[in-house]
Structures are given as structure tokens and as C-alpha cells.
Protein backbone atom coordinates (compact mmCIF):
# COMPACT_ATOMS: atom_id res chain seq x y z
CA MET A 1 29.41 8.11 220.39
CA THR A 2 30.43 4.70 221.23
CA GLY A 3 34.16 5.75 221.04
CA ASP A 4 33.29 8.46 223.72
CA LEU A 5 31.56 5.63 225.74
CA SER A 6 34.91 3.17 225.52
CA LYS A 7 37.00 6.29 226.78
CA ARG A 8 34.74 6.82 229.54
CA PHE A 9 34.74 3.26 230.41
CA ILE A 10 38.40 3.12 230.33
CA ILE A 11 39.35 5.62 232.42
CA THR A 12 36.44 4.83 234.87
CA LEU A 13 38.31 1.28 234.87
CA PHE A 14 41.71 2.89 235.47
CA ALA A 15 40.18 5.40 238.45
CA TRP A 16 39.19 2.14 239.90
CA ALA A 17 41.99 0.46 239.79
CA LEU A 18 43.97 3.08 241.34
CA VAL A 19 41.70 3.12 244.12
CA VAL A 20 41.78 -0.68 244.56
CA SER A 21 45.80 -0.58 244.61
CA SER A 22 45.96 2.24 246.94
CA SER A 23 43.40 0.41 249.47
CA LEU A 24 45.49 -2.87 249.18
CA ALA A 25 48.68 -0.85 249.67
CA HIS A 26 47.31 0.83 252.80
CA ALA A 27 45.36 -2.20 254.01
CA GLU A 28 48.88 -3.70 255.01
CA CYS A 29 49.89 -0.36 256.79
CA LEU A 30 49.92 -0.16 260.48
CA ASP A 31 46.53 1.60 261.50
CA VAL A 32 47.38 3.98 264.55
CA ASN A 33 43.95 4.37 265.47
CA GLN A 34 43.77 0.81 266.69
CA THR A 35 43.25 0.49 270.48
CA GLY A 36 44.87 -2.90 270.78
CA ARG A 37 48.64 -3.71 272.00
CA LEU A 38 51.61 -3.10 269.51
CA ALA A 39 54.64 -4.67 269.54
CA PHE A 40 57.83 -3.99 267.34
CA GLU A 41 61.25 -5.55 267.20
CA GLY A 42 64.45 -3.71 266.34
CA THR A 43 67.80 -2.42 267.81
CA LEU A 44 67.23 -0.02 270.60
CA THR A 45 69.25 3.01 270.33
CA PHE A 46 69.74 6.08 272.79
CA HIS A 47 70.36 9.50 271.68
CA VAL A 48 70.61 13.56 273.05
CA PHE A 49 68.77 15.69 270.77
CA GLY A 50 68.65 19.41 270.79
CA GLY A 51 65.16 20.94 271.92
CA PRO A 52 64.26 24.64 272.60
CA PRO A 53 64.88 27.16 271.20
CA TYR A 54 65.87 24.79 268.24
CA ASN A 55 69.27 26.74 267.24
CA GLY A 56 70.74 23.41 265.60
CA GLY A 57 71.98 21.16 268.29
CA VAL A 58 72.79 20.96 272.06
CA ARG A 59 76.05 22.65 271.80
CA LEU A 60 74.42 25.55 269.96
CA GLY A 61 72.53 26.23 273.21
CA ASP A 62 69.70 23.96 272.50
CA THR A 63 67.78 21.91 275.77
CA PRO A 64 68.83 18.82 275.62
CA GLU A 65 66.41 16.11 275.16
CA PRO A 66 67.23 12.41 276.16
CA THR A 67 65.53 10.05 273.96
CA TYR A 68 65.34 6.17 272.80
CA VAL A 69 64.79 5.38 269.19
CA LEU A 70 63.98 1.78 267.77
CA LYS A 71 65.41 1.13 264.79
CA LEU A 72 63.43 -1.37 263.12
CA ASP A 73 64.54 -4.66 261.49
CA GLU A 74 62.00 -4.05 258.50
CA PRO A 75 60.46 -0.52 257.51
CA ILE A 76 56.79 -0.42 258.03
CA CYS A 77 54.00 2.38 256.95
CA ALA A 78 51.19 3.52 259.22
CA THR A 79 47.87 4.89 258.39
CA GLY A 80 44.70 6.29 260.69
CA ASP A 81 46.51 9.58 261.79
CA GLU A 82 46.99 13.13 260.27
CA PHE A 83 50.56 13.21 260.92
CA VAL A 84 51.51 10.01 259.39
CA ASP A 85 51.95 9.04 255.25
CA PRO A 86 51.01 5.64 254.62
CA ASN A 87 53.16 6.41 251.23
CA THR A 88 56.04 6.80 253.59
CA ALA A 89 58.39 4.00 254.79
CA ILE A 90 59.34 4.43 258.76
CA GLU A 91 62.05 3.03 259.86
CA GLN A 92 62.52 4.39 263.29
CA ILE A 93 60.11 4.73 266.29
CA GLN A 94 60.82 6.83 269.24
CA ILE A 95 59.56 5.20 272.63
CA TYR A 96 59.38 5.86 275.51
CA PRO A 97 57.47 4.74 279.13
CA GLU A 98 53.86 5.32 279.18
CA ASP A 99 54.26 5.60 282.81
CA ALA A 100 56.94 8.27 283.56
CA GLU A 101 57.63 6.94 287.17
CA ASP A 102 58.00 3.26 286.01
CA ARG A 103 61.73 3.10 287.34
CA GLU A 104 62.35 -0.99 286.35
CA LEU A 105 61.07 0.12 282.75
CA SER A 106 63.62 2.91 282.96
CA ARG A 107 66.29 0.65 283.92
CA ASP A 108 65.73 -1.88 281.42
CA LEU A 109 65.95 0.78 278.26
CA ARG A 110 69.09 1.82 279.76
CA ARG A 111 70.39 -1.88 280.14
CA LEU A 112 69.28 -2.68 276.47
CA VAL A 113 70.74 0.21 274.67
CA GLY A 114 72.88 -1.31 271.40
CA GLN A 115 70.62 -4.49 271.78
CA ARG A 116 67.72 -6.25 269.59
CA VAL A 117 64.47 -5.83 271.67
CA ARG A 118 61.36 -6.43 271.38
CA VAL A 119 58.97 -3.58 272.77
CA GLU A 120 55.08 -3.14 273.47
CA GLY A 121 52.65 -0.35 273.87
CA LYS A 122 49.79 1.55 272.52
CA SER A 123 48.23 4.59 271.15
CA ALA A 124 51.10 5.12 268.78
CA PHE A 125 50.81 8.44 266.79
CA GLY A 126 52.75 10.72 264.12
CA ALA A 127 55.70 13.39 265.12
CA HIS A 128 53.79 16.81 265.35
CA THR A 129 56.45 18.73 267.36
CA GLY A 130 59.93 19.72 267.76
CA HIS A 131 59.93 17.45 270.70
CA HIS A 132 59.33 14.32 268.14
CA HIS A 133 62.43 12.88 266.71
CA ALA A 134 60.92 9.67 265.02
CA PRO A 135 58.08 9.46 262.12
CA LEU A 136 56.39 7.61 264.70
CA LEU A 137 55.66 7.50 268.50
CA LEU A 138 54.67 4.88 270.91
CA PRO A 139 54.68 4.89 274.42
CA ILE A 140 55.27 1.52 275.90
CA THR A 141 54.90 -0.81 278.62
CA ARG A 142 57.43 -3.60 278.12
CA VAL A 143 61.02 -3.96 276.73
CA LYS A 144 62.90 -7.30 276.42
CA SER A 145 65.64 -8.50 274.50
CA ALA A 146 64.80 -10.09 271.11
CA SER A 147 68.31 -12.01 270.91
CA GLU A 148 68.20 -15.37 271.06
CA PRO A 149 71.01 -16.11 274.05
CA ILE A 150 71.14 -19.83 273.83
CA GLY A 151 73.46 -20.48 271.03
CA ALA A 152 75.93 -18.19 272.78
CA TYR A 153 75.75 -20.37 275.88
CA GLY A 154 79.09 -22.12 276.45
CA THR A 155 81.04 -20.21 274.08
CA ALA A 156 83.32 -17.20 274.03
CA MET A 157 80.48 -15.29 271.94
CA THR A 158 79.06 -14.12 275.45
CA THR A 159 82.35 -12.50 276.14
CA VAL A 160 82.26 -10.89 272.41
CA GLN A 161 78.53 -9.57 273.38
CA ALA A 162 79.20 -8.35 276.65
CA PHE A 163 82.68 -6.15 275.45
CA TYR A 164 80.56 -4.53 272.51
CA LEU A 165 77.68 -3.53 275.35
CA ALA A 166 79.69 -2.27 277.55
CA LEU A 167 80.94 0.08 274.51
CA ALA A 168 77.55 0.76 273.98
CA ALA A 169 77.31 2.13 277.64
CA GLY A 170 80.43 4.02 277.54
CA ASN A 171 81.60 1.85 280.28
CA GLY A 172 85.60 1.43 279.52
CA GLU A 173 86.18 -0.75 282.96
CA GLU A 174 83.49 -2.77 282.10
CA ALA A 175 84.65 -3.32 278.44
CA ALA A 176 88.48 -3.41 279.29
CA SER A 177 87.72 -6.16 281.74
CA PHE A 178 86.88 -8.70 278.67
CA LEU A 179 90.36 -8.20 277.20
CA ILE A 180 93.38 -10.11 277.70
CA PRO A 181 95.71 -8.09 280.39
CA GLN A 182 98.11 -6.95 277.75
CA LYS A 183 95.54 -5.23 275.91
CA ARG A 184 93.84 -3.49 278.69
CA ALA A 185 97.01 -2.14 279.95
CA SER A 186 97.61 0.89 277.83
CA GLY A 187 97.09 2.08 274.41
CA PRO A 188 93.44 2.55 272.55
CA LEU A 189 91.99 -0.37 274.46
CA SER A 190 92.78 0.55 277.86
CA ALA A 191 89.46 1.68 280.28
CA HIS A 192 90.58 5.18 279.97
CA SER A 193 90.86 5.53 276.36
CA ILE A 194 87.42 3.32 275.80
CA THR A 195 85.50 5.69 278.32
CA ASN A 196 86.75 8.94 276.76
CA PHE A 197 85.89 7.72 272.95
CA TYR A 198 82.69 5.84 273.36
CA PHE A 199 81.37 7.85 276.47
CA ASN A 200 81.34 10.83 274.35
CA LEU A 201 79.90 9.71 270.77
CA GLU A 202 77.42 11.69 269.18
CA GLU A 203 75.50 8.22 268.72
CA PRO A 204 76.19 5.72 270.76
CA LEU A 205 77.57 2.47 269.52
CA THR A 206 74.70 -0.36 268.54
CA LEU A 207 75.26 -3.85 268.44
CA ILE A 208 73.79 -5.18 265.32
CA ASP A 209 75.41 -8.89 265.31
CA ILE A 210 77.70 -11.35 265.77
CA VAL A 211 78.56 -14.22 264.11
CA PRO A 212 81.04 -17.58 264.44
CA ALA A 213 83.74 -16.81 261.73
CA GLY A 214 86.24 -19.78 262.86
CA SER A 215 87.21 -21.41 265.66
CA ASP A 216 87.36 -18.85 268.59
CA GLU A 217 86.82 -16.29 266.30
CA PHE A 218 83.37 -14.04 265.42
CA ARG A 219 82.10 -11.55 263.11
CA VAL A 220 80.75 -8.53 264.75
CA ARG A 221 78.67 -5.54 263.24
CA TYR A 222 78.18 -2.41 264.61
CA THR A 223 77.45 1.37 263.97
CA PHE A 224 78.34 4.50 265.72
CA ALA A 225 78.77 8.31 265.20
CA ALA A 226 81.56 10.31 266.43
CA ARG A 227 81.45 14.21 266.77
CA ALA A 228 82.32 15.76 263.85
CA ALA A 229 83.02 12.81 261.90
CA ARG A 230 80.98 10.56 259.51
CA ARG A 231 78.96 7.53 260.63
CA CYS A 232 80.96 4.47 261.03
CA ASP A 233 79.17 1.02 260.04
CA GLY A 234 81.78 -0.89 261.35
CA VAL A 235 82.83 -4.82 260.78
CA ALA A 236 85.64 -6.23 263.11
CA ILE A 237 87.11 -9.74 263.55
CA VAL A 238 87.22 -10.24 267.22
CA LYS A 239 90.08 -13.72 268.34
CA THR A 240 89.31 -14.95 271.86
CA THR A 241 91.41 -16.90 273.52
CA GLN A 242 91.02 -18.83 277.18
CA ILE A 243 93.23 -17.90 280.14
CA ARG A 244 92.90 -19.70 283.42
CA GLY A 245 88.95 -21.01 282.02
CA GLU A 246 88.14 -17.84 280.89
CA ASN A 247 87.29 -16.54 277.63
CA LEU A 248 88.55 -13.19 276.89
CA ILE A 249 89.27 -11.51 273.46
CA ALA A 250 92.83 -11.90 272.46
CA SER A 251 92.60 -9.37 269.35
CA ILE A 252 90.08 -6.88 267.55
CA GLU A 253 90.72 -6.15 263.45
CA ALA A 254 88.67 -3.69 262.25
CA LEU A 255 87.56 -4.96 258.59
CA ASN A 256 86.54 -1.20 257.16
CA GLY A 257 89.00 1.03 259.22
CA CYS A 258 86.34 2.13 262.04
């Protein structure tokens, strides 16, 4: 009898411990039922997903669905919605203007693609239709750059930043303007070649970070996906020089072949 009671006590204690452990884990998750304003930081990316009739992609006849996705700096978990699993790590959030007529917000989203940003909004919810392309969705009212530009002031880093942001936008004319003249005249770094490649990527270039690597040199990390090719998680050393007082890019050395 005593043995049975002991077993029951141990089983009850173990079950209670599991409940407490689960509750503590979920206590740190985002509650999507909350009515307050939410804020997230991460890298803003832009994709064109395939919608109806869901044949496997735009090139197979699906309706194009342009979508902004925030790649979070750190994964989160969420609870409070039947379409989110608190035990699943969420690394991406699909974002869109709460007010579809907010032209200023739409302009800011286009301008900040490829950058680290902070978004604010409310009424997040879990993905539950074919139009939802991330585990969590958030209507937003504000987006702003989360990068701290002060450290780049007065240095050639601003030129490197501008070059890669132009690549993210697929704008060859703009990107080539940050290169020394002999680099932009012809070849893979000409305005035409840059536009032809970066404008037609399956997934636009996303600038991850830029750090000084020496005198007038910077280490750049970025990612993109080309059509019919694997994803590129790129690292490059960018060397700069001054011509008539302006900082320009003299060379780019890709360290991992992409």
C-alpha cells in the first residue's frame, strides 16, 4: 500500500513538474492576444511568392504575391493563437502596412530592403492561408532603420553601405557610381551587368553587416539566392580609395566564391 502511494506521489509530482516547466517556457513566448503595440528588429527582405492556383511558383503560372519578410535577429516563440505552436521557433515574420493606403510607409519599406530595421505594429497572428508566407504575420504602422550609422560617418564605410544597398535594389546605375571608373566601365561590375544579375535574383540581396577589416578595407556579409542555383551566404573584402576627395570602391574580393 505504501509503495502504491509512493508511486502515485512520484507520478503526480512528475506531471506537475512538466506542467510548471511548460508554463515557464511558454511564459517567455509572445502572446499574440495582447492588444499592445509590438516591436521587432531584424533584416528586411523582399520576395515574390507564388499564389493561386498554387502550381509551384510564379514561373509555373501562379499569381505573383510580393511580400516583405522580416528575418529576426533572434528566434521567438508565440502563443495565444490556434495557428501558432509555442514549441516552434519563429525566425521570420511577414509584415505589411496596416493601412494599405499609407504611401509613406510603403515607400519606406521599399527603401529599407536589405537593411536591419525595427518595425512596430499590433494584432499579430499565425499563418493559416496560402497567402501567408511566414509563420507569423504582423500589420505594421512604422518601419525605421535599426542600424546605427554614426560609426560610419566620415569614413569609406558609407560608400560600401550604399553600394550593397543599391545591389539589394537591383539598381546597377546607382551601384556602379560607387566604384572607381575603371571598374564600372565594363565587365561584371558595369551598370548593365549589375542590373542584369541583381535585379533578376530569386531572392534579393540582403546586407547583413559591414565591419572594418583594415585601413580602407571592410568585411561585408550578405546573402541572396539566384535562379536555379543554391543560396549564397557571401563574405567579401572590399577595398576603397579616394579620388578627388571622394571615397570609392577599388576592389571586391569574394572570400567564398559568391
